[in-house]
C-alpha atoms as a PDB file:
ATOM      1  CA  UNK A   1     100.302 146.673  79.139  1.00  0.00           C
ATOM      2  CA  UNK A   2     103.899 145.552  78.924  1.00  0.00           C
ATOM      3  CA  UNK A   3     104.668 142.209  77.288  1.00  0.00           C
ATOM      4  CA  UNK A   4     107.910 140.869  78.752  1.00  0.00           C
ATOM      5  CA  UNK A   5     108.269 137.808  76.487  1.00  0.00           C
ATOM      6  CA  UNK A   6     107.908 138.025  72.710  1.00  0.00           C
ATOM      7  CA  UNK A   7     109.726 136.777  69.617  1.00  0.00           C
ATOM      8  CA  UNK A   8     109.172 139.891  67.534  1.00  0.00           C
ATOM      9  CA  UNK A   9     112.675 140.543  66.194  1.00  0.00           C
ATOM     10  CA  UNK A  10     112.782 139.702  62.470  1.00  0.00           C
ATOM     11  CA  UNK A  11     114.738 136.711  61.229  1.00  0.00           C
ATOM     12  CA  UNK A  12     116.644 135.781  64.373  1.00  0.00           C
ATOM     13  CA  UNK A  13     114.778 132.686  65.608  1.00  0.00           C
ATOM     14  CA  UNK A  14     111.469 130.861  65.109  1.00  0.00           C
ATOM     15  CA  UNK A  15     109.485 134.059  65.664  1.00  0.00           C
ATOM     16  CA  UNK A  16     108.902 136.821  63.123  1.00  0.00           C
ATOM     17  CA  UNK A  17     110.419 135.785  59.804  1.00  0.00           C
ATOM     18  CA  UNK A  18     110.639 139.263  58.291  1.00  0.00           C
ATOM     19  CA  UNK A  19     110.380 142.956  59.079  1.00  0.00           C
ATOM     20  CA  UNK A  20     106.887 142.948  57.584  1.00  0.00           C
ATOM     21  CA  UNK A  21     105.831 140.260  60.053  1.00  0.00           C
ATOM     22  CA  UNK A  22     107.465 142.121  62.964  1.00  0.00           C
ATOM     23  CA  UNK A  23     105.538 145.279  62.099  1.00  0.00           C
ATOM     24  CA  UNK A  24     102.290 143.326  61.833  1.00  0.00           C
ATOM     25  CA  UNK A  25     102.897 141.821  65.272  1.00  0.00           C
ATOM     26  CA  UNK A  26     103.562 145.274  66.702  1.00  0.00           C
ATOM     27  CA  UNK A  27     100.319 146.616  65.216  1.00  0.00           C
ATOM     28  CA  UNK A  28      98.365 143.752  66.760  1.00  0.00           C
ATOM     29  CA  UNK A  29     100.120 144.263  70.091  1.00  0.00           C
ATOM     30  CA  UNK A  30      99.052 147.899  70.075  1.00  0.00           C
ATOM     31  CA  UNK A  31      95.451 146.847  69.450  1.00  0.00           C
ATOM     32  CA  UNK A  32      95.705 144.588  72.503  1.00  0.00           C
ATOM     33  CA  UNK A  33      96.785 147.533  74.631  1.00  0.00           C
ATOM     34  CA  UNK A  34     100.484 146.662  74.691  1.00  0.00           C
ATOM     35  CA  UNK A  35     102.805 149.650  74.431  1.00  0.00           C
ATOM     36  CA  UNK A  36     106.133 148.048  75.386  1.00  0.00           C
ATOM     37  CA  UNK A  37     107.509 144.660  74.357  1.00  0.00           C
ATOM     38  CA  UNK A  38     110.659 142.988  75.588  1.00  0.00           C
ATOM     39  CA  UNK A  39     112.083 141.124  72.598  1.00  0.00           C
ATOM     40  CA  UNK A  40     113.307 137.757  73.875  1.00  0.00           C
ATOM     41  CA  UNK A  41     114.874 135.703  71.059  1.00  0.00           C
ATOM     42  CA  UNK A  42     115.998 132.182  71.836  1.00  0.00           C
ATOM     43  CA  UNK A  43     119.592 131.635  72.881  1.00  0.00           C
ATOM     44  CA  UNK A  44     121.548 128.409  73.316  1.00  0.00           C
ATOM     45  CA  UNK A  45     118.522 126.163  72.753  1.00  0.00           C
ATOM     46  CA  UNK A  46     120.189 123.905  70.195  1.00  0.00           C
ATOM     47  CA  UNK A  47     118.709 125.739  67.227  1.00  0.00           C
ATOM     48  CA  UNK A  48     119.400 129.443  67.789  1.00  0.00           C
ATOM     49  CA  UNK A  49     122.119 131.549  69.348  1.00  0.00           C
ATOM     50  CA  UNK A  50     121.480 135.254  69.872  1.00  0.00           C
ATOM     51  CA  UNK A  51     124.077 137.054  71.964  1.00  0.00           C
ATOM     52  CA  UNK A  52     123.443 140.235  73.903  1.00  0.00           C
ATOM     53  CA  UNK A  53     125.261 142.558  71.510  1.00  0.00           C
ATOM     54  CA  UNK A  54     123.405 141.243  68.456  1.00  0.00           C
ATOM     55  CA  UNK A  55     120.035 141.519  70.208  1.00  0.00           C
ATOM     56  CA  UNK A  56     120.593 145.156  71.167  1.00  0.00           C
ATOM     57  CA  UNK A  57     121.467 145.995  67.551  1.00  0.00           C
ATOM     58  CA  UNK A  58     118.348 144.233  66.254  1.00  0.00           C
ATOM     59  CA  UNK A  59     116.158 146.035  68.801  1.00  0.00           C
ATOM     60  CA  UNK A  60     117.514 149.426  67.760  1.00  0.00           C
ATOM     61  CA  UNK A  61     116.838 148.593  64.110  1.00  0.00           C
ATOM     62  CA  UNK A  62     113.251 147.513  64.773  1.00  0.00           C
ATOM     63  CA  UNK A  63     112.509 150.559  66.943  1.00  0.00           C
ATOM     64  CA  UNK A  64     113.633 152.765  64.076  1.00  0.00           C
ATOM     65  CA  UNK A  65     111.242 151.028  61.691  1.00  0.00           C
ATOM     66  CA  UNK A  66     108.364 151.227  64.179  1.00  0.00           C
ATOM     67  CA  UNK A  67     108.955 154.960  64.483  1.00  0.00           C
ATOM     68  CA  UNK A  68     108.926 155.347  60.692  1.00  0.00           C
ATOM     69  CA  UNK A  69     105.601 153.475  60.530  1.00  0.00           C
ATOM     70  CA  UNK A  70     104.140 155.467  63.461  1.00  0.00           C
ATOM     71  CA  UNK A  71     103.383 152.292  65.417  1.00  0.00           C
ATOM     72  CA  UNK A  72     103.143 153.251  69.119  1.00  0.00           C
ATOM     73  CA  UNK A  73     105.075 150.285  70.504  1.00  0.00           C
ATOM     74  CA  UNK A  74     108.569 150.391  72.008  1.00  0.00           C
ATOM     75  CA  UNK A  75     110.831 147.343  71.856  1.00  0.00           C
ATOM     76  CA  UNK A  76     113.227 146.623  74.710  1.00  0.00           C
ATOM     77  CA  UNK A  77     116.101 144.107  74.604  1.00  0.00           C
ATOM     78  CA  UNK A  78     115.892 140.731  76.304  1.00  0.00           C
ATOM     79  CA  UNK A  79     116.673 137.084  75.740  1.00  0.00           C
ATOM     80  CA  UNK A  80     115.166 133.650  76.355  1.00  0.00           C
ATOM     81  CA  UNK A  81     118.124 131.483  77.309  1.00  0.00           C
ATOM     82  CA  UNK A  82     117.963 127.712  77.638  1.00  0.00           C
ATOM     83  CA  UNK A  83     119.464 126.749  80.973  1.00  0.00           C
ATOM     84  CA  UNK A  84     123.149 125.760  80.946  1.00  0.00           C
ATOM     85  CA  UNK A  85     125.915 125.560  83.487  1.00  0.00           C
ATOM     86  CA  UNK A  86     127.928 128.605  82.382  1.00  0.00           C
ATOM     87  CA  UNK A  87     125.021 131.074  82.366  1.00  0.00           C
ATOM     88  CA  UNK A  88     126.398 133.165  85.206  1.00  0.00           C
ATOM     89  CA  UNK A  89     129.805 133.475  83.572  1.00  0.00           C
ATOM     90  CA  UNK A  90     128.204 134.473  80.266  1.00  0.00           C
ATOM     91  CA  UNK A  91     125.990 137.029  81.997  1.00  0.00           C
ATOM     92  CA  UNK A  92     129.117 138.725  83.269  1.00  0.00           C
ATOM     93  CA  UNK A  93     130.541 138.697  79.732  1.00  0.00           C
ATOM     94  CA  UNK A  94     127.394 140.209  78.180  1.00  0.00           C
ATOM     95  CA  UNK A  95     126.670 137.101  76.107  1.00  0.00           C
ATOM     96  CA  UNK A  96     123.563 136.388  78.175  1.00  0.00           C
ATOM     97  CA  UNK A  97     121.374 139.462  78.487  1.00  0.00           C
ATOM     98  CA  UNK A  98     119.133 140.432  81.415  1.00  0.00           C
ATOM     99  CA  UNK A  99     115.715 141.777  80.478  1.00  0.00           C
ATOM    100  CA  UNK A 100     116.006 145.432  79.472  1.00  0.00           C
ATOM    101  CA  UNK A 101     119.764 145.021  80.026  1.00  0.00           C
ATOM    102  CA  UNK A 102     120.029 146.614  83.472  1.00  0.00           C
ATOM    103  CA  UNK A 103     116.984 145.195  85.295  1.00  0.00           C
ATOM    104  CA  UNK A 104     118.804 142.219  86.818  1.00  0.00           C
ATOM    105  CA  UNK A 105     115.914 139.934  85.824  1.00  0.00           C
ATOM    106  CA  UNK A 106     117.020 136.968  83.708  1.00  0.00           C
ATOM    107  CA  UNK A 107     114.837 134.571  81.714  1.00  0.00           C
ATOM    108  CA  UNK A 108     115.657 130.877  82.020  1.00  0.00           C
ATOM    109  CA  UNK A 109     114.043 128.270  79.795  1.00  0.00           C
ATOM    110  CA  UNK A 110     113.961 124.680  81.002  1.00  0.00           C
ATOM    111  CA  UNK A 111     113.869 121.725  78.618  1.00  0.00           C
ATOM    112  CA  UNK A 112     110.295 120.649  77.932  1.00  0.00           C
ATOM    113  CA  UNK A 113     110.724 117.144  79.305  1.00  0.00           C
ATOM    114  CA  UNK A 114     112.604 117.618  82.576  1.00  0.00           C
ATOM    115  CA  UNK A 115     114.349 119.840  85.117  1.00  0.00           C
ATOM    116  CA  UNK A 116     118.146 119.455  84.994  1.00  0.00           C
ATOM    117  CA  UNK A 117     119.744 118.340  88.264  1.00  0.00           C
ATOM    118  CA  UNK A 118     121.932 121.447  88.510  1.00  0.00           C
ATOM    119  CA  UNK A 119     118.960 123.845  88.272  1.00  0.00           C
ATOM    120  CA  UNK A 120     118.697 124.519  92.012  1.00  0.00           C
ATOM    121  CA  UNK A 121     122.411 125.294  92.338  1.00  0.00           C
ATOM    122  CA  UNK A 122     122.435 127.553  89.290  1.00  0.00           C
ATOM    123  CA  UNK A 123     119.404 129.508  90.513  1.00  0.00           C
ATOM    124  CA  UNK A 124     121.115 129.934  93.884  1.00  0.00           C
ATOM    125  CA  UNK A 125     124.359 131.106  92.286  1.00  0.00           C
ATOM    126  CA  UNK A 126     122.505 133.606  90.108  1.00  0.00           C
ATOM    127  CA  UNK A 127     120.723 135.095  93.110  1.00  0.00           C
ATOM    128  CA  UNK A 128     123.916 135.305  95.151  1.00  0.00           C
ATOM    129  CA  UNK A 129     125.445 137.247  92.240  1.00  0.00           C
ATOM    130  CA  UNK A 130     122.543 139.717  92.355  1.00  0.00           C
ATOM    131  CA  UNK A 131     120.397 138.408  89.495  1.00  0.00           C
ATOM    132  CA  UNK A 132     116.688 137.582  89.668  1.00  0.00           C
ATOM    133  CA  UNK A 133     115.976 134.403  87.667  1.00  0.00           C
ATOM    134  CA  UNK A 134     112.595 133.901  86.019  1.00  0.00           C
ATOM    135  CA  UNK A 135     111.572 130.428  84.827  1.00  0.00           C
ATOM    136  CA  UNK A 136     109.595 130.921  81.619  1.00  0.00           C
ATOM    137  CA  UNK A 137     106.463 128.895  80.832  1.00  0.00           C
ATOM    138  CA  UNK A 138     106.864 126.316  83.657  1.00  0.00           C
ATOM    139  CA  UNK A 139     103.324 125.169  82.844  1.00  0.00           C
ATOM    140  CA  UNK A 140     104.714 123.397  79.756  1.00  0.00           C
ATOM    141  CA  UNK A 141     107.428 121.413  81.568  1.00  0.00           C
ATOM    142  CA  UNK A 142     106.420 117.767  81.861  1.00  0.00           C
ATOM    143  CA  UNK A 143     108.335 117.090  85.070  1.00  0.00           C
ATOM    144  CA  UNK A 144     106.857 120.110  86.824  1.00  0.00           C
ATOM    145  CA  UNK A 145     103.336 119.160  85.766  1.00  0.00           C
ATOM    146  CA  UNK A 146     103.808 115.699  87.299  1.00  0.00           C
ATOM    147  CA  UNK A 147     105.764 116.926  90.336  1.00  0.00           C
ATOM    148  CA  UNK A 148     104.610 120.495  91.094  1.00  0.00           C
ATOM    149  CA  UNK A 149     106.349 120.470  94.472  1.00  0.00           C
ATOM    150  CA  UNK A 150     109.618 120.899  92.583  1.00  0.00           C
ATOM    151  CA  UNK A 151     108.399 124.254  91.308  1.00  0.00           C
ATOM    152  CA  UNK A 152     107.152 125.168  94.779  1.00  0.00           C
ATOM    153  CA  UNK A 153     110.679 124.654  96.147  1.00  0.00           C
ATOM    154  CA  UNK A 154     112.189 126.693  93.301  1.00  0.00           C
ATOM    155  CA  UNK A 155     109.845 129.616  94.019  1.00  0.00           C
ATOM    156  CA  UNK A 156     110.218 129.221  97.788  1.00  0.00           C
ATOM    157  CA  UNK A 157     113.967 129.621  97.299  1.00  0.00           C
ATOM    158  CA  UNK A 158     113.496 132.962  95.552  1.00  0.00           C
ATOM    159  CA  UNK A 159     113.163 132.300  91.832  1.00  0.00           C
ATOM    160  CA  UNK A 160     110.236 133.717  89.857  1.00  0.00           C
ATOM    161  CA  UNK A 161     108.100 132.315  87.046  1.00  0.00           C
ATOM    162  CA  UNK A 162     106.163 133.560  84.008  1.00  0.00           C
ATOM    163  CA  UNK A 163     103.151 131.827  82.484  1.00  0.00           C
ATOM    164  CA  UNK A 164     102.015 132.272  78.910  1.00  0.00           C
ATOM    165  CA  UNK A 165      98.726 133.978  78.102  1.00  0.00           C
ATOM    166  CA  UNK A 166      97.856 131.330  75.502  1.00  0.00           C
ATOM    167  CA  UNK A 167      98.363 128.611  78.127  1.00  0.00           C
ATOM    168  CA  UNK A 168      95.771 130.231  80.386  1.00  0.00           C
ATOM    169  CA  UNK A 169      93.327 130.357  77.491  1.00  0.00           C
ATOM    170  CA  UNK A 170      93.669 126.648  76.663  1.00  0.00           C
ATOM    171  CA  UNK A 171      95.366 127.189  73.315  1.00  0.00           C
ATOM    172  CA  UNK A 172      98.181 124.769  74.194  1.00  0.00           C
ATOM    173  CA  UNK A 173      95.908 122.098  75.647  1.00  0.00           C
ATOM    174  CA  UNK A 174      93.716 121.320  78.635  1.00  0.00           C
ATOM    175  CA  UNK A 175      96.461 119.892  80.862  1.00  0.00           C
ATOM    176  CA  UNK A 176      98.672 122.951  80.367  1.00  0.00           C
ATOM    177  CA  UNK A 177      95.685 125.226  80.969  1.00  0.00           C
ATOM    178  CA  UNK A 178      94.809 123.448  84.196  1.00  0.00           C
ATOM    179  CA  UNK A 179      98.361 123.628  85.510  1.00  0.00           C
ATOM    180  CA  UNK A 180      98.609 127.305  84.572  1.00  0.00           C
ATOM    181  CA  UNK A 181      95.571 128.072  86.700  1.00  0.00           C
ATOM    182  CA  UNK A 182      96.914 125.968  89.549  1.00  0.00           C
ATOM    183  CA  UNK A 183     100.092 128.049  89.475  1.00  0.00           C
ATOM    184  CA  UNK A 184      98.095 131.267  89.666  1.00  0.00           C
ATOM    185  CA  UNK A 185      95.925 129.986  92.504  1.00  0.00           C
ATOM    186  CA  UNK A 186      98.975 128.850  94.514  1.00  0.00           C
ATOM    187  CA  UNK A 187     100.991 132.075  94.023  1.00  0.00           C
ATOM    188  CA  UNK A 188     103.569 130.139  92.023  1.00  0.00           C
ATOM    189  CA  UNK A 189     103.762 132.570  89.126  1.00  0.00           C
ATOM    190  CA  UNK A 190     104.487 136.274  88.998  1.00  0.00           C
ATOM    191  CA  UNK A 191     104.155 137.407  85.381  1.00  0.00           C
ATOM    192  CA  UNK A 192     101.866 136.820  82.407  1.00  0.00           C
ATOM    193  CA  UNK A 193     103.379 137.331  78.953  1.00  0.00           C
ATOM    194  CA  UNK A 194     102.506 136.404  75.391  1.00  0.00           C
ATOM    195  CA  UNK A 195     105.529 134.390  74.189  1.00  0.00           C
ATOM    196  CA  UNK A 196     104.097 135.374  70.818  1.00  0.00           C
ATOM    197  CA  UNK A 197     105.953 134.112  67.748  1.00  0.00           C
ATOM    198  CA  UNK A 198     103.538 135.141  64.993  1.00  0.00           C
ATOM    199  CA  UNK A 199      99.916 136.111  64.388  1.00  0.00           C
ATOM    200  CA  UNK A 200      98.632 132.807  63.013  1.00  0.00           C
ATOM    201  CA  UNK A 201      99.539 130.031  65.452  1.00  0.00           C
ATOM    202  CA  UNK A 202     101.213 131.761  68.405  1.00  0.00           C
ATOM    203  CA  UNK A 203      99.527 135.104  68.912  1.00  0.00           C
ATOM    204  CA  UNK A 204      99.380 137.439  71.899  1.00  0.00           C
ATOM    205  CA  UNK A 205      96.154 136.503  73.800  1.00  0.00           C
ATOM    206  CA  UNK A 206      97.094 139.078  76.463  1.00  0.00           C
ATOM    207  CA  UNK A 207      93.798 140.933  76.505  1.00  0.00           C
ATOM    208  CA  UNK A 208      91.854 137.661  76.715  1.00  0.00           C
ATOM    209  CA  UNK A 209      94.103 136.243  79.447  1.00  0.00           C
ATOM    210  CA  UNK A 210      93.774 139.298  81.673  1.00  0.00           C
ATOM    211  CA  UNK A 211      90.029 139.307  81.193  1.00  0.00           C
ATOM    212  CA  UNK A 212      89.998 135.674  82.339  1.00  0.00           C
ATOM    213  CA  UNK A 213      92.249 136.411  85.327  1.00  0.00           C
ATOM    214  CA  UNK A 214      89.987 139.266  86.472  1.00  0.00           C
ATOM    215  CA  UNK A 215      86.960 136.991  86.204  1.00  0.00           C
ATOM    216  CA  UNK A 216      88.493 134.072  88.104  1.00  0.00           C
ATOM    217  CA  UNK A 217      90.858 135.741  90.582  1.00  0.00           C
ATOM    218  CA  UNK A 218      89.721 139.365  90.816  1.00  0.00           C
ATOM    219  CA  UNK A 219      91.050 142.726  89.726  1.00  0.00           C
ATOM    220  CA  UNK A 220      93.730 142.854  92.429  1.00  0.00           C
ATOM    221  CA  UNK A 221      95.527 139.776  91.061  1.00  0.00           C
ATOM    222  CA  UNK A 222      95.336 141.043  87.488  1.00  0.00           C
ATOM    223  CA  UNK A 223      96.658 144.477  88.458  1.00  0.00           C
ATOM    224  CA  UNK A 224      99.495 142.966  90.476  1.00  0.00           C
ATOM    225  CA  UNK A 225     100.600 140.868  87.497  1.00  0.00           C
ATOM    226  CA  UNK A 226     100.459 143.902  85.214  1.00  0.00           C
ATOM    227  CA  UNK A 227     102.360 146.022  87.712  1.00  0.00           C
ATOM    228  CA  UNK A 228     105.028 143.351  88.074  1.00  0.00           C
ATOM    229  CA  UNK A 229     105.890 143.690  84.394  1.00  0.00           C
ATOM    230  CA  UNK A 230     106.265 147.446  84.850  1.00  0.00           C
ATOM    231  CA  UNK A 231     108.428 146.976  87.944  1.00  0.00           C
ATOM    232  CA  UNK A 232     110.589 144.470  86.086  1.00  0.00           C
ATOM    233  CA  UNK A 233     111.312 146.870  83.236  1.00  0.00           C
ATOM    234  CA  UNK A 234     112.568 149.487  85.694  1.00  0.00           C
ATOM    235  CA  UNK A 235     114.551 146.945  87.718  1.00  0.00           C
ATOM    236  CA  UNK A 236     112.442 147.301  90.858  1.00  0.00           C
ATOM    237  CA  UNK A 237     111.348 144.556  93.249  1.00  0.00           C
ATOM    238  CA  UNK A 238     108.087 142.937  92.203  1.00  0.00           C
ATOM    239  CA  UNK A 239     105.003 142.260  94.309  1.00  0.00           C
ATOM    240  CA  UNK A 240     104.473 138.636  95.310  1.00  0.00           C
ATOM    241  CA  UNK A 241     102.524 136.578  97.799  1.00  0.00           C
ATOM    242  CA  UNK A 242     103.910 133.549  99.685  1.00  0.00           C
ATOM    243  CA  UNK A 243     103.880 130.443  97.485  1.00  0.00           C
ATOM    244  CA  UNK A 244     101.655 127.523  98.388  1.00  0.00           C
ATOM    245  CA  UNK A 245     101.920 123.858  97.542  1.00  0.00           C
ATOM    246  CA  UNK A 246      99.729 122.205  94.934  1.00  0.00           C
ATOM    247  CA  UNK A 247      98.941 119.188  97.056  1.00  0.00           C
ATOM    248  CA  UNK A 248      96.796 117.109  94.729  1.00  0.00           C
ATOM    249  CA  UNK A 249      95.520 116.991  91.190  1.00  0.00           C
ATOM    250  CA  UNK A 250      91.836 117.759  91.011  1.00  0.00           C
ATOM    251  CA  UNK A 251      89.229 117.690  88.333  1.00  0.00           C
ATOM    252  CA  UNK A 252      89.355 120.733  86.009  1.00  0.00           C
ATOM    253  CA  UNK A 253      87.833 123.741  87.701  1.00  0.00           C
ATOM    254  CA  UNK A 254      88.839 122.749  91.253  1.00  0.00           C
ATOM    255  CA  UNK A 255      92.305 123.760  92.359  1.00  0.00           C
ATOM    256  CA  UNK A 256      93.679 122.318  95.562  1.00  0.00           C
ATOM    257  CA  UNK A 257      96.458 124.040  97.465  1.00  0.00           C
END
């Protein structure tokens, strides 16, 4: 497996606090069947700023240490950027970093409470410029949970989304879990990733999540999600089905589209 969202770089944000912790995360990732991880430290979220150049240097350092320790995991550079109006300009400057640098795929984190009014225009501008925006963990955004049609329109207009493995497993709460499954059922998400920060409170859960997806949606859906992560890394077009509306909230276990 490839994990496209992980806070494994040591000492740069609220993820791994030290090299020792980074190595421990990599060992656990390998046990889960993960052989490549895109390191996605927070950027411009009010607490952390990690520019493209600094991230690439940190990734090279960690890969060297993983090689020394004979841990069979490769780290690729990425970034989890909180949405802001000058993202496109900073992408052109190299301050904002696409996933694996040359893929064209760009992570965008929304505030937890709402969707900024300029989101639609920014997503459009990014796509016109040749980038492929991915909204990370939309299942945790309060406005999208209450008004899922807003996410439908975002995806309909060409943006992509990534749900967190722990969300699917109920680690973050029942409401988030329910919405995560609704997104899968309605073709409103395209990637599953760990968003792992550590091994105690915010672990990987990738193996468990894919087992759950196979059980509930079949092998074809699970394989498509896995393949999408591989296609992303190489900058290729992903596989996706037409999005559908989540028309009503239903009792847990019944997903209406």
